[in-house]
Amino acid sequence: MSAHPPAIAALGYAAASLTTVSFIPQAIKTLRTGDTRGISLRMYALFTAGIALWGIYGLLTGDGPLIAANAITLVAAGLILDRKCRAWWRERQGDQRLRGGRPLP
């Protein structure tokens, strides 16, 4: 684990802050409205897994900006992914009931 010079660490924290803060408004809107129709389940699952892996990488390398940004983003992304999975499950159950319990093609 290597310590970065203060200017490089500040750059990392600034970048981490901007990318994390840019994600928060959409996350809040999605959580408030519950509307996940515009979200791809596969993409969001991969995105959330990627965020988790970046967080683990940050922990293993001792990279503060990576740890901070990905910990915050992982919580928000995980909540949205949970909402999307629940919506997907409800839709799937509703469609199966409409088709007499048969799985969808």
PDB file of N, CA and C in Angstrom:
ATOM      1  N   MET A   1       0.848  -1.179   0.000  1.00  0.00           N
ATOM      2  CA  MET A   1       0.000   0.000   0.000  1.00  0.00           C
ATOM      3  C   MET A   1       0.890   1.238   0.000  1.00  0.00           C
ATOM      4  N   SER A   2       0.683   2.064  -0.996  1.00  0.00           N
ATOM      5  CA  SER A   2       1.526   3.251  -1.083  1.00  0.00           C
ATOM      6  C   SER A   2       0.702   4.496  -0.805  1.00  0.00           C
ATOM      7  N   ALA A   3       1.327   5.422  -0.093  1.00  0.00           N
ATOM      8  CA  ALA A   3       0.668   6.701   0.193  1.00  0.00           C
ATOM      9  C   ALA A   3       0.944   7.641  -0.972  1.00  0.00           C
ATOM     10  N   HIS A   4      -0.075   8.344  -1.387  1.00  0.00           N
ATOM     11  CA  HIS A   4       0.068   9.305  -2.471  1.00  0.00           C
ATOM     12  C   HIS A   4       0.443  10.661  -1.897  1.00  0.00           C
ATOM     13  N   PRO A   5       1.166  11.465  -2.686  1.00  0.00           N
ATOM     14  CA  PRO A   5       1.410  12.849  -2.258  1.00  0.00           C
ATOM     15  C   PRO A   5       0.076  13.557  -2.044  1.00  0.00           C
ATOM     16  N   PRO A   6       0.029  14.549  -1.158  1.00  0.00           N
ATOM     17  CA  PRO A   6      -1.237  15.227  -0.837  1.00  0.00           C
ATOM     18  C   PRO A   6      -2.006  15.742  -2.054  1.00  0.00           C
ATOM     19  N   ALA A   7      -1.327  16.274  -3.049  1.00  0.00           N
ATOM     20  CA  ALA A   7      -2.023  16.804  -4.230  1.00  0.00           C
ATOM     21  C   ALA A   7      -2.715  15.692  -5.009  1.00  0.00           C
ATOM     22  N   ILE A   8      -2.069  14.545  -5.117  1.00  0.00           N
ATOM     23  CA  ILE A   8      -2.673  13.418  -5.836  1.00  0.00           C
ATOM     24  C   ILE A   8      -3.840  12.853  -5.034  1.00  0.00           C
ATOM     25  N   ALA A   9      -3.688  12.757  -3.727  1.00  0.00           N
ATOM     26  CA  ALA A   9      -4.793  12.292  -2.880  1.00  0.00           C
ATOM     27  C   ALA A   9      -5.982  13.244  -2.986  1.00  0.00           C
ATOM     28  N   ALA A  10      -5.713  14.555  -2.987  1.00  0.00           N
ATOM     29  CA  ALA A  10      -6.796  15.543  -3.119  1.00  0.00           C
ATOM     30  C   ALA A  10      -7.503  15.390  -4.457  1.00  0.00           C
ATOM     31  N   LEU A  11      -6.739  15.151  -5.519  1.00  0.00           N
ATOM     32  CA  LEU A  11      -7.336  14.926  -6.840  1.00  0.00           C
ATOM     33  C   LEU A  11      -8.239  13.692  -6.817  1.00  0.00           C
ATOM     34  N   GLY A  12      -7.765  12.634  -6.184  1.00  0.00           N
ATOM     35  CA  GLY A  12      -8.564  11.411  -6.080  1.00  0.00           C
ATOM     36  C   GLY A  12      -9.858  11.633  -5.319  1.00  0.00           C
ATOM     37  N   TYR A  13      -9.780  12.337  -4.207  1.00  0.00           N
ATOM     38  CA  TYR A  13     -10.992  12.611  -3.428  1.00  0.00           C
ATOM     39  C   TYR A  13     -11.944  13.533  -4.182  1.00  0.00           C
ATOM     40  N   ALA A  14     -11.404  14.501  -4.931  1.00  0.00           N
ATOM     41  CA  ALA A  14     -12.262  15.390  -5.726  1.00  0.00           C
ATOM     42  C   ALA A  14     -12.989  14.596  -6.805  1.00  0.00           C
ATOM     43  N   ALA A  15     -12.261  13.732  -7.513  1.00  0.00           N
ATOM     44  CA  ALA A  15     -12.882  12.906  -8.552  1.00  0.00           C
ATOM     45  C   ALA A  15     -13.923  11.968  -7.946  1.00  0.00           C
ATOM     46  N   ALA A  16     -13.587  11.336  -6.838  1.00  0.00           N
ATOM     47  CA  ALA A  16     -14.520  10.421  -6.174  1.00  0.00           C
ATOM     48  C   ALA A  16     -15.767  11.159  -5.715  1.00  0.00           C
ATOM     49  N   SER A  17     -15.590  12.356  -5.187  1.00  0.00           N
ATOM     50  CA  SER A  17     -16.736  13.151  -4.720  1.00  0.00           C
ATOM     51  C   SER A  17     -17.654  13.526  -5.871  1.00  0.00           C
ATOM     52  N   LEU A  18     -17.067  13.990  -6.976  1.00  0.00           N
ATOM     53  CA  LEU A  18     -17.891  14.402  -8.119  1.00  0.00           C
ATOM     54  C   LEU A  18     -18.677  13.239  -8.711  1.00  0.00           C
ATOM     55  N   THR A  19     -18.035  12.094  -8.904  1.00  0.00           N
ATOM     56  CA  THR A  19     -18.754  10.970  -9.503  1.00  0.00           C
ATOM     57  C   THR A  19     -19.823  10.430  -8.558  1.00  0.00           C
ATOM     58  N   THR A  20     -19.535  10.414  -7.270  1.00  0.00           N
ATOM     59  CA  THR A  20     -20.525   9.933  -6.307  1.00  0.00           C
ATOM     60  C   THR A  20     -21.690  10.904  -6.197  1.00  0.00           C
ATOM     61  N   VAL A  21     -21.397  12.192  -6.076  1.00  0.00           N
ATOM     62  CA  VAL A  21     -22.451  13.204  -5.957  1.00  0.00           C
ATOM     63  C   VAL A  21     -23.308  13.244  -7.219  1.00  0.00           C
ATOM     64  N   SER A  22     -22.712  13.027  -8.388  1.00  0.00           N
ATOM     65  CA  SER A  22     -23.489  13.053  -9.630  1.00  0.00           C
ATOM     66  C   SER A  22     -24.498  11.909  -9.686  1.00  0.00           C
ATOM     67  N   PHE A  23     -24.223  10.823  -9.002  1.00  0.00           N
ATOM     68  CA  PHE A  23     -25.098   9.656  -8.997  1.00  0.00           C
ATOM     69  C   PHE A  23     -26.271   9.820  -8.028  1.00  0.00           C
ATOM     70  N   ILE A  24     -26.082  10.571  -6.966  1.00  0.00           N
ATOM     71  CA  ILE A  24     -27.058  10.658  -5.881  1.00  0.00           C
ATOM     72  C   ILE A  24     -28.425  11.215  -6.302  1.00  0.00           C
ATOM     73  N   PRO A  25     -28.531  12.303  -7.093  1.00  0.00           N
ATOM     74  CA  PRO A  25     -29.870  12.812  -7.435  1.00  0.00           C
ATOM     75  C   PRO A  25     -30.759  11.772  -8.131  1.00  0.00           C
ATOM     76  N   GLN A  26     -30.195  11.026  -9.075  1.00  0.00           N
ATOM     77  CA  GLN A  26     -30.989  10.003  -9.756  1.00  0.00           C
ATOM     78  C   GLN A  26     -31.372   8.893  -8.788  1.00  0.00           C
ATOM     79  N   ALA A  27     -30.471   8.539  -7.896  1.00  0.00           N
ATOM     80  CA  ALA A  27     -30.774   7.505  -6.907  1.00  0.00           C
ATOM     81  C   ALA A  27     -31.913   7.954  -6.000  1.00  0.00           C
ATOM     82  N   ILE A  28     -31.868   9.195  -5.543  1.00  0.00           N
ATOM     83  CA  ILE A  28     -32.938   9.721  -4.683  1.00  0.00           C
ATOM     84  C   ILE A  28     -34.263   9.728  -5.432  1.00  0.00           C
ATOM     85  N   LYS A  29     -34.253  10.185  -6.680  1.00  0.00           N
ATOM     86  CA  LYS A  29     -35.488  10.220  -7.476  1.00  0.00           C
ATOM     87  C   LYS A  29     -36.068   8.815  -7.635  1.00  0.00           C
ATOM     88  N   THR A  30     -35.217   7.857  -7.947  1.00  0.00           N
ATOM     89  CA  THR A  30     -35.686   6.482  -8.129  1.00  0.00           C
ATOM     90  C   THR A  30     -36.241   5.917  -6.829  1.00  0.00           C
ATOM     91  N   LEU A  31     -35.569   6.184  -5.724  1.00  0.00           N
ATOM     92  CA  LEU A  31     -36.044   5.665  -4.440  1.00  0.00           C
ATOM     93  C   LEU A  31     -37.333   6.348  -3.999  1.00  0.00           C
ATOM     94  N   ARG A  32     -37.475   7.638  -4.282  1.00  0.00           N
ATOM     95  CA  ARG A  32     -38.706   8.352  -3.908  1.00  0.00           C
ATOM     96  C   ARG A  32     -39.900   7.909  -4.735  1.00  0.00           C
ATOM     97  N   THR A  33     -39.707   7.800  -6.049  1.00  0.00           N
ATOM     98  CA  THR A  33     -40.831   7.468  -6.931  1.00  0.00           C
ATOM     99  C   THR A  33     -41.073   5.971  -7.022  1.00  0.00           C
ATOM    100  N   GLY A  34     -40.029   5.186  -6.809  1.00  0.00           N
ATOM    101  CA  GLY A  34     -40.147   3.744  -6.965  1.00  0.00           C
ATOM    102  C   GLY A  34     -40.187   3.311  -8.420  1.00  0.00           C
ATOM    103  N   ASP A  35     -40.036   4.263  -9.341  1.00  0.00           N
ATOM    104  CA  ASP A  35     -40.116   3.963 -10.774  1.00  0.00           C
ATOM    105  C   ASP A  35     -38.771   3.453 -11.270  1.00  0.00           C
ATOM    106  N   THR A  36     -38.717   2.175 -11.595  1.00  0.00           N
ATOM    107  CA  THR A  36     -37.484   1.573 -12.097  1.00  0.00           C
ATOM    108  C   THR A  36     -37.639   1.092 -13.535  1.00  0.00           C
ATOM    109  N   ARG A  37     -38.709   1.515 -14.204  1.00  0.00           N
ATOM    110  CA  ARG A  37     -38.959   1.035 -15.569  1.00  0.00           C
ATOM    111  C   ARG A  37     -37.833   1.371 -16.534  1.00  0.00           C
ATOM    112  N   GLY A  38     -37.166   2.483 -16.339  1.00  0.00           N
ATOM    113  CA  GLY A  38     -36.099   2.883 -17.246  1.00  0.00           C
ATOM    114  C   GLY A  38     -34.742   2.280 -16.920  1.00  0.00           C
ATOM    115  N   ILE A  39     -34.699   1.387 -15.949  1.00  0.00           N
ATOM    116  CA  ILE A  39     -33.430   0.804 -15.512  1.00  0.00           C
ATOM    117  C   ILE A  39     -33.328  -0.633 -16.013  1.00  0.00           C
ATOM    118  N   SER A  40     -32.227  -0.948 -16.658  1.00  0.00           N
ATOM    119  CA  SER A  40     -31.956  -2.312 -17.100  1.00  0.00           C
ATOM    120  C   SER A  40     -31.473  -3.126 -15.904  1.00  0.00           C
ATOM    121  N   LEU A  41     -32.159  -4.222 -15.621  1.00  0.00           N
ATOM    122  CA  LEU A  41     -31.777  -5.064 -14.483  1.00  0.00           C
ATOM    123  C   LEU A  41     -30.372  -5.621 -14.665  1.00  0.00           C
ATOM    124  N   ARG A  42     -30.072  -6.124 -15.846  1.00  0.00           N
ATOM    125  CA  ARG A  42     -28.741  -6.692 -16.082  1.00  0.00           C
ATOM    126  C   ARG A  42     -27.647  -5.638 -15.929  1.00  0.00           C
ATOM    127  N   MET A  43     -27.870  -4.477 -16.529  1.00  0.00           N
ATOM    128  CA  MET A  43     -26.867  -3.420 -16.446  1.00  0.00           C
ATOM    129  C   MET A  43     -26.658  -2.997 -15.001  1.00  0.00           C
ATOM    130  N   TYR A  44     -27.740  -2.838 -14.262  1.00  0.00           N
ATOM    131  CA  TYR A  44     -27.612  -2.366 -12.887  1.00  0.00           C
ATOM    132  C   TYR A  44     -26.982  -3.419 -11.989  1.00  0.00           C
ATOM    133  N   ALA A  45     -27.263  -4.693 -12.259  1.00  0.00           N
ATOM    134  CA  ALA A  45     -26.620  -5.761 -11.490  1.00  0.00           C
ATOM    135  C   ALA A  45     -25.114  -5.754 -11.744  1.00  0.00           C
ATOM    136  N   LEU A  46     -24.719  -5.607 -13.004  1.00  0.00           N
ATOM    137  CA  LEU A  46     -23.294  -5.546 -13.338  1.00  0.00           C
ATOM    138  C   LEU A  46     -22.642  -4.294 -12.753  1.00  0.00           C
ATOM    139  N   PHE A  47     -23.341  -3.166 -12.832  1.00  0.00           N
ATOM    140  CA  PHE A  47     -22.833  -1.913 -12.279  1.00  0.00           C
ATOM    141  C   PHE A  47     -22.588  -2.051 -10.779  1.00  0.00           C
ATOM    142  N   THR A  48     -23.564  -2.604 -10.062  1.00  0.00           N
ATOM    143  CA  THR A  48     -23.449  -2.759  -8.613  1.00  0.00           C
ATOM    144  C   THR A  48     -22.315  -3.718  -8.257  1.00  0.00           C
ATOM    145  N   ALA A  49     -22.187  -4.805  -9.013  1.00  0.00           N
ATOM    146  CA  ALA A  49     -21.081  -5.738  -8.781  1.00  0.00           C
ATOM    147  C   ALA A  49     -19.738  -5.046  -9.032  1.00  0.00           C
ATOM    148  N   GLY A  50     -19.668  -4.240 -10.081  1.00  0.00           N
ATOM    149  CA  GLY A  50     -18.441  -3.504 -10.374  1.00  0.00           C
ATOM    150  C   GLY A  50     -18.079  -2.532  -9.267  1.00  0.00           C
ATOM    151  N   ILE A  51     -19.072  -1.836  -8.745  1.00  0.00           N
ATOM    152  CA  ILE A  51     -18.838  -0.908  -7.635  1.00  0.00           C
ATOM    153  C   ILE A  51     -18.309  -1.670  -6.416  1.00  0.00           C
ATOM    154  N   ALA A  52     -18.904  -2.830  -6.145  1.00  0.00           N
ATOM    155  CA  ALA A  52     -18.443  -3.642  -5.010  1.00  0.00           C
ATOM    156  C   ALA A  52     -16.988  -4.072  -5.209  1.00  0.00           C
ATOM    157  N   LEU A  53     -16.652  -4.494  -6.423  1.00  0.00           N
ATOM    158  CA  LEU A  53     -15.275  -4.916  -6.690  1.00  0.00           C
ATOM    159  C   LEU A  53     -14.287  -3.755  -6.593  1.00  0.00           C
ATOM    160  N   TRP A  54     -14.684  -2.568  -7.069  1.00  0.00           N
ATOM    161  CA  TRP A  54     -13.816  -1.394  -6.915  1.00  0.00           C
ATOM    162  C   TRP A  54     -13.613  -1.076  -5.437  1.00  0.00           C
ATOM    163  N   GLY A  55     -14.663  -1.228  -4.650  1.00  0.00           N
ATOM    164  CA  GLY A  55     -14.541  -0.995  -3.212  1.00  0.00           C
ATOM    165  C   GLY A  55     -13.577  -1.974  -2.563  1.00  0.00           C
ATOM    166  N   ILE A  56     -13.679  -3.238  -2.943  1.00  0.00           N
ATOM    167  CA  ILE A  56     -12.763  -4.254  -2.415  1.00  0.00           C
ATOM    168  C   ILE A  56     -11.330  -3.940  -2.838  1.00  0.00           C
ATOM    169  N   TYR A  57     -11.164  -3.567  -4.096  1.00  0.00           N
ATOM    170  CA  TYR A  57      -9.836  -3.186  -4.585  1.00  0.00           C
ATOM    171  C   TYR A  57      -9.286  -2.012  -3.766  1.00  0.00           C
ATOM    172  N   GLY A  58     -10.128  -1.030  -3.520  1.00  0.00           N
ATOM    173  CA  GLY A  58      -9.712   0.114  -2.712  1.00  0.00           C
ATOM    174  C   GLY A  58      -9.280  -0.299  -1.317  1.00  0.00           C
ATOM    175  N   LEU A  59     -10.031  -1.224  -0.714  1.00  0.00           N
ATOM    176  CA  LEU A  59      -9.656  -1.721   0.616  1.00  0.00           C
ATOM    177  C   LEU A  59      -8.315  -2.445   0.586  1.00  0.00           C
ATOM    178  N   LEU A  60      -8.132  -3.283  -0.430  1.00  0.00           N
ATOM    179  CA  LEU A  60      -6.896  -4.065  -0.517  1.00  0.00           C
ATOM    180  C   LEU A  60      -5.668  -3.203  -0.797  1.00  0.00           C
ATOM    181  N   THR A  61      -5.867  -2.108  -1.506  1.00  0.00           N
ATOM    182  CA  THR A  61      -4.736  -1.234  -1.836  1.00  0.00           C
ATOM    183  C   THR A  61      -4.627  -0.039  -0.898  1.00  0.00           C
ATOM    184  N   GLY A  62      -5.604   0.116  -0.013  1.00  0.00           N
ATOM    185  CA  GLY A  62      -5.590   1.239   0.914  1.00  0.00           C
ATOM    186  C   GLY A  62      -5.846   2.575   0.243  1.00  0.00           C
ATOM    187  N   ASP A  63      -6.600   2.554  -0.840  1.00  0.00           N
ATOM    188  CA  ASP A  63      -6.872   3.773  -1.609  1.00  0.00           C
ATOM    189  C   ASP A  63      -8.131   4.452  -1.071  1.00  0.00           C
ATOM    190  N   GLY A  64      -7.928   5.492  -0.268  1.00  0.00           N
ATOM    191  CA  GLY A  64      -9.032   6.189   0.390  1.00  0.00           C
ATOM    192  C   GLY A  64     -10.122   6.680  -0.536  1.00  0.00           C
ATOM    193  N   PRO A  65      -9.781   7.366  -1.646  1.00  0.00           N
ATOM    194  CA  PRO A  65     -10.840   7.838  -2.542  1.00  0.00           C
ATOM    195  C   PRO A  65     -11.695   6.699  -3.105  1.00  0.00           C
ATOM    196  N   LEU A  66     -11.060   5.596  -3.483  1.00  0.00           N
ATOM    197  CA  LEU A  66     -11.828   4.455  -3.999  1.00  0.00           C
ATOM    198  C   LEU A  66     -12.737   3.872  -2.924  1.00  0.00           C
ATOM    199  N   ILE A  67     -12.222   3.761  -1.724  1.00  0.00           N
ATOM    200  CA  ILE A  67     -13.017   3.210  -0.626  1.00  0.00           C
ATOM    201  C   ILE A  67     -14.224   4.103  -0.356  1.00  0.00           C
ATOM    202  N   ALA A  68     -13.995   5.396  -0.205  1.00  0.00           N
ATOM    203  CA  ALA A  68     -15.073   6.331   0.136  1.00  0.00           C
ATOM    204  C   ALA A  68     -16.141   6.388  -0.949  1.00  0.00           C
ATOM    205  N   ALA A  69     -15.711   6.604  -2.180  1.00  0.00           N
ATOM    206  CA  ALA A  69     -16.677   6.753  -3.276  1.00  0.00           C
ATOM    207  C   ALA A  69     -17.486   5.488  -3.476  1.00  0.00           C
ATOM    208  N   ASN A  70     -16.824   4.351  -3.468  1.00  0.00           N
ATOM    209  CA  ASN A  70     -17.530   3.114  -3.758  1.00  0.00           C
ATOM    210  C   ASN A  70     -18.379   2.627  -2.600  1.00  0.00           C
ATOM    211  N   ALA A  71     -18.007   2.934  -1.378  1.00  0.00           N
ATOM    212  CA  ALA A  71     -18.853   2.568  -0.238  1.00  0.00           C
ATOM    213  C   ALA A  71     -20.176   3.320  -0.304  1.00  0.00           C
ATOM    214  N   ILE A  72     -20.106   4.614  -0.568  1.00  0.00           N
ATOM    215  CA  ILE A  72     -21.328   5.426  -0.655  1.00  0.00           C
ATOM    216  C   ILE A  72     -22.171   5.002  -1.848  1.00  0.00           C
ATOM    217  N   THR A  73     -21.530   4.856  -3.004  1.00  0.00           N
ATOM    218  CA  THR A  73     -22.256   4.488  -4.216  1.00  0.00           C
ATOM    219  C   THR A  73     -22.848   3.090  -4.100  1.00  0.00           C
ATOM    220  N   LEU A  74     -22.139   2.175  -3.445  1.00  0.00           N
ATOM    221  CA  LEU A  74     -22.642   0.809  -3.299  1.00  0.00           C
ATOM    222  C   LEU A  74     -23.941   0.771  -2.504  1.00  0.00           C
ATOM    223  N   VAL A  75     -24.043   1.570  -1.474  1.00  0.00           N
ATOM    224  CA  VAL A  75     -25.286   1.611  -0.688  1.00  0.00           C
ATOM    225  C   VAL A  75     -26.440   2.075  -1.570  1.00  0.00           C
ATOM    226  N   ALA A  76     -26.255   3.188  -2.269  1.00  0.00           N
ATOM    227  CA  ALA A  76     -27.325   3.716  -3.121  1.00  0.00           C
ATOM    228  C   ALA A  76     -27.641   2.754  -4.261  1.00  0.00           C
ATOM    229  N   ALA A  77     -26.621   2.226  -4.918  1.00  0.00           N
ATOM    230  CA  ALA A  77     -26.836   1.299  -6.032  1.00  0.00           C
ATOM    231  C   ALA A  77     -27.509   0.020  -5.547  1.00  0.00           C
ATOM    232  N   GLY A  78     -27.114  -0.449  -4.375  1.00  0.00           N
ATOM    233  CA  GLY A  78     -27.738  -1.652  -3.815  1.00  0.00           C
ATOM    234  C   GLY A  78     -29.214  -1.454  -3.523  1.00  0.00           C
ATOM    235  N   LEU A  79     -29.568  -0.284  -3.004  1.00  0.00           N
ATOM    236  CA  LEU A  79     -30.982   0.009  -2.742  1.00  0.00           C
ATOM    237  C   LEU A  79     -31.786   0.056  -4.039  1.00  0.00           C
ATOM    238  N   ILE A  80     -31.219   0.688  -5.062  1.00  0.00           N
ATOM    239  CA  ILE A  80     -31.919   0.768  -6.344  1.00  0.00           C
ATOM    240  C   ILE A  80     -32.017  -0.613  -6.979  1.00  0.00           C
ATOM    241  N   LEU A  81     -30.954  -1.391  -6.913  1.00  0.00           N
ATOM    242  CA  LEU A  81     -30.996  -2.751  -7.459  1.00  0.00           C
ATOM    243  C   LEU A  81     -32.050  -3.582  -6.739  1.00  0.00           C
ATOM    244  N   ASP A  82     -32.156  -3.421  -5.435  1.00  0.00           N
ATOM    245  CA  ASP A  82     -33.192  -4.120  -4.676  1.00  0.00           C
ATOM    246  C   ASP A  82     -34.585  -3.728  -5.177  1.00  0.00           C
ATOM    247  N   ARG A  83     -34.805  -2.426  -5.373  1.00  0.00           N
ATOM    248  CA  ARG A  83     -36.099  -1.960  -5.896  1.00  0.00           C
ATOM    249  C   ARG A  83     -36.381  -2.554  -7.272  1.00  0.00           C
ATOM    250  N   LYS A  84     -35.365  -2.554  -8.139  1.00  0.00           N
ATOM    251  CA  LYS A  84     -35.537  -3.076  -9.493  1.00  0.00           C
ATOM    252  C   LYS A  84     -35.849  -4.561  -9.451  1.00  0.00           C
ATOM    253  N   CYS A  85     -35.152  -5.314  -8.621  1.00  0.00           N
ATOM    254  CA  CYS A  85     -35.410  -6.756  -8.508  1.00  0.00           C
ATOM    255  C   CYS A  85     -36.822  -7.026  -8.001  1.00  0.00           C
ATOM    256  N   ARG A  86     -37.264  -6.251  -7.024  1.00  0.00           N
ATOM    257  CA  ARG A  86     -38.627  -6.429  -6.501  1.00  0.00           C
ATOM    258  C   ARG A  86     -39.671  -6.105  -7.567  1.00  0.00           C
ATOM    259  N   ALA A  87     -39.440  -5.030  -8.329  1.00  0.00           N
ATOM    260  CA  ALA A  87     -40.370  -4.664  -9.401  1.00  0.00           C
ATOM    261  C   ALA A  87     -40.383  -5.745 -10.477  1.00  0.00           C
ATOM    262  N   TRP A  88     -39.208  -6.239 -10.827  1.00  0.00           N
ATOM    263  CA  TRP A  88     -39.115  -7.302 -11.834  1.00  0.00           C
ATOM    264  C   TRP A  88     -39.869  -8.542 -11.357  1.00  0.00           C
ATOM    265  N   TRP A  89     -39.713  -8.892 -10.093  1.00  0.00           N
ATOM    266  CA  TRP A  89     -40.381 -10.073  -9.546  1.00  0.00           C
ATOM    267  C   TRP A  89     -41.904  -9.892  -9.546  1.00  0.00           C
ATOM    268  N   ARG A  90     -42.360  -8.698  -9.148  1.00  0.00           N
ATOM    269  CA  ARG A  90     -43.811  -8.436  -9.159  1.00  0.00           C
ATOM    270  C   ARG A  90     -44.368  -8.527 -10.575  1.00  0.00           C
ATOM    271  N   GLU A  91     -43.658  -7.956 -11.541  1.00  0.00           N
ATOM    272  CA  GLU A  91     -44.110  -8.024 -12.934  1.00  0.00           C
ATOM    273  C   GLU A  91     -44.164  -9.463 -13.410  1.00  0.00           C
ATOM    274  N   ARG A  92     -43.157 -10.218 -13.088  1.00  0.00           N
ATOM    275  CA  ARG A  92     -43.089 -11.616 -13.510  1.00  0.00           C
ATOM    276  C   ARG A  92     -44.232 -12.419 -12.889  1.00  0.00           C
ATOM    277  N   GLN A  93     -44.495 -12.201 -11.611  1.00  0.00           N
ATOM    278  CA  GLN A  93     -45.586 -12.911 -10.952  1.00  0.00           C
ATOM    279  C   GLN A  93     -46.928 -12.528 -11.561  1.00  0.00           C
ATOM    280  N   GLY A  94     -47.119 -11.244 -11.839  1.00  0.00           N
ATOM    281  CA  GLY A  94     -48.363 -10.791 -12.455  1.00  0.00           C
ATOM    282  C   GLY A  94     -48.555 -11.380 -13.833  1.00  0.00           C
ATOM    283  N   ASP A  95     -47.502 -11.434 -14.639  1.00  0.00           N
ATOM    284  CA  ASP A  95     -47.592 -12.000 -15.985  1.00  0.00           C
ATOM    285  C   ASP A  95     -47.891 -13.488 -15.923  1.00  0.00           C
ATOM    286  N   GLN A  96     -47.324 -14.196 -14.975  1.00  0.00           N
ATOM    287  CA  GLN A  96     -47.578 -15.628 -14.860  1.00  0.00           C
ATOM    288  C   GLN A  96     -49.024 -15.887 -14.458  1.00  0.00           C
ATOM    289  N   ARG A  97     -49.570 -15.043 -13.581  1.00  0.00           N
ATOM    290  CA  ARG A  97     -50.974 -15.215 -13.200  1.00  0.00           C
ATOM    291  C   ARG A  97     -51.881 -14.987 -14.403  1.00  0.00           C
ATOM    292  N   LEU A  98     -51.546 -14.005 -15.232  1.00  0.00           N
ATOM    293  CA  LEU A  98     -52.346 -13.727 -16.419  1.00  0.00           C
ATOM    294  C   LEU A  98     -52.285 -14.872 -17.419  1.00  0.00           C
ATOM    295  N   ARG A  99     -51.206 -15.623 -17.441  1.00  0.00           N
ATOM    296  CA  ARG A  99     -51.036 -16.735 -18.371  1.00  0.00           C
ATOM    297  C   ARG A  99     -51.402 -18.072 -17.718  1.00  0.00           C
ATOM    298  N   GLY A 100     -52.087 -18.041 -16.629  1.00  0.00           N
ATOM    299  CA  GLY A 100     -52.507 -19.278 -15.984  1.00  0.00           C
ATOM    300  C   GLY A 100     -51.378 -20.009 -15.277  1.00  0.00           C
ATOM    301  N   GLY A 101     -50.382 -19.264 -14.819  1.00  0.00           N
ATOM    302  CA  GLY A 101     -49.299 -19.875 -14.067  1.00  0.00           C
ATOM    303  C   GLY A 101     -48.183 -20.442 -14.912  1.00  0.00           C
ATOM    304  N   ARG A 102     -48.312 -20.381 -16.236  1.00  0.00           N
ATOM    305  CA  ARG A 102     -47.239 -20.892 -17.093  1.00  0.00           C
ATOM    306  C   ARG A 102     -46.104 -19.871 -17.166  1.00  0.00           C
ATOM    307  N   PRO A 103     -44.856 -20.332 -17.187  1.00  0.00           N
ATOM    308  CA  PRO A 103     -43.727 -19.398 -17.296  1.00  0.00           C
ATOM    309  C   PRO A 103     -43.779 -18.627 -18.608  1.00  0.00           C
ATOM    310  N   LEU A 104     -43.282 -17.427 -18.566  1.00  0.00           N
ATOM    311  CA  LEU A 104     -43.221 -16.613 -19.775  1.00  0.00           C
ATOM    312  C   LEU A 104     -42.139 -17.146 -20.704  1.00  0.00           C
ATOM    313  N   PRO A 105     -42.346 -16.991 -22.000  1.00  0.00           N
ATOM    314  CA  PRO A 105     -41.309 -17.456 -22.946  1.00  0.00           C
ATOM    315  C   PRO A 105     -40.055 -16.621 -22.824  1.00  0.00           C
TER     316      PRO A 105
END
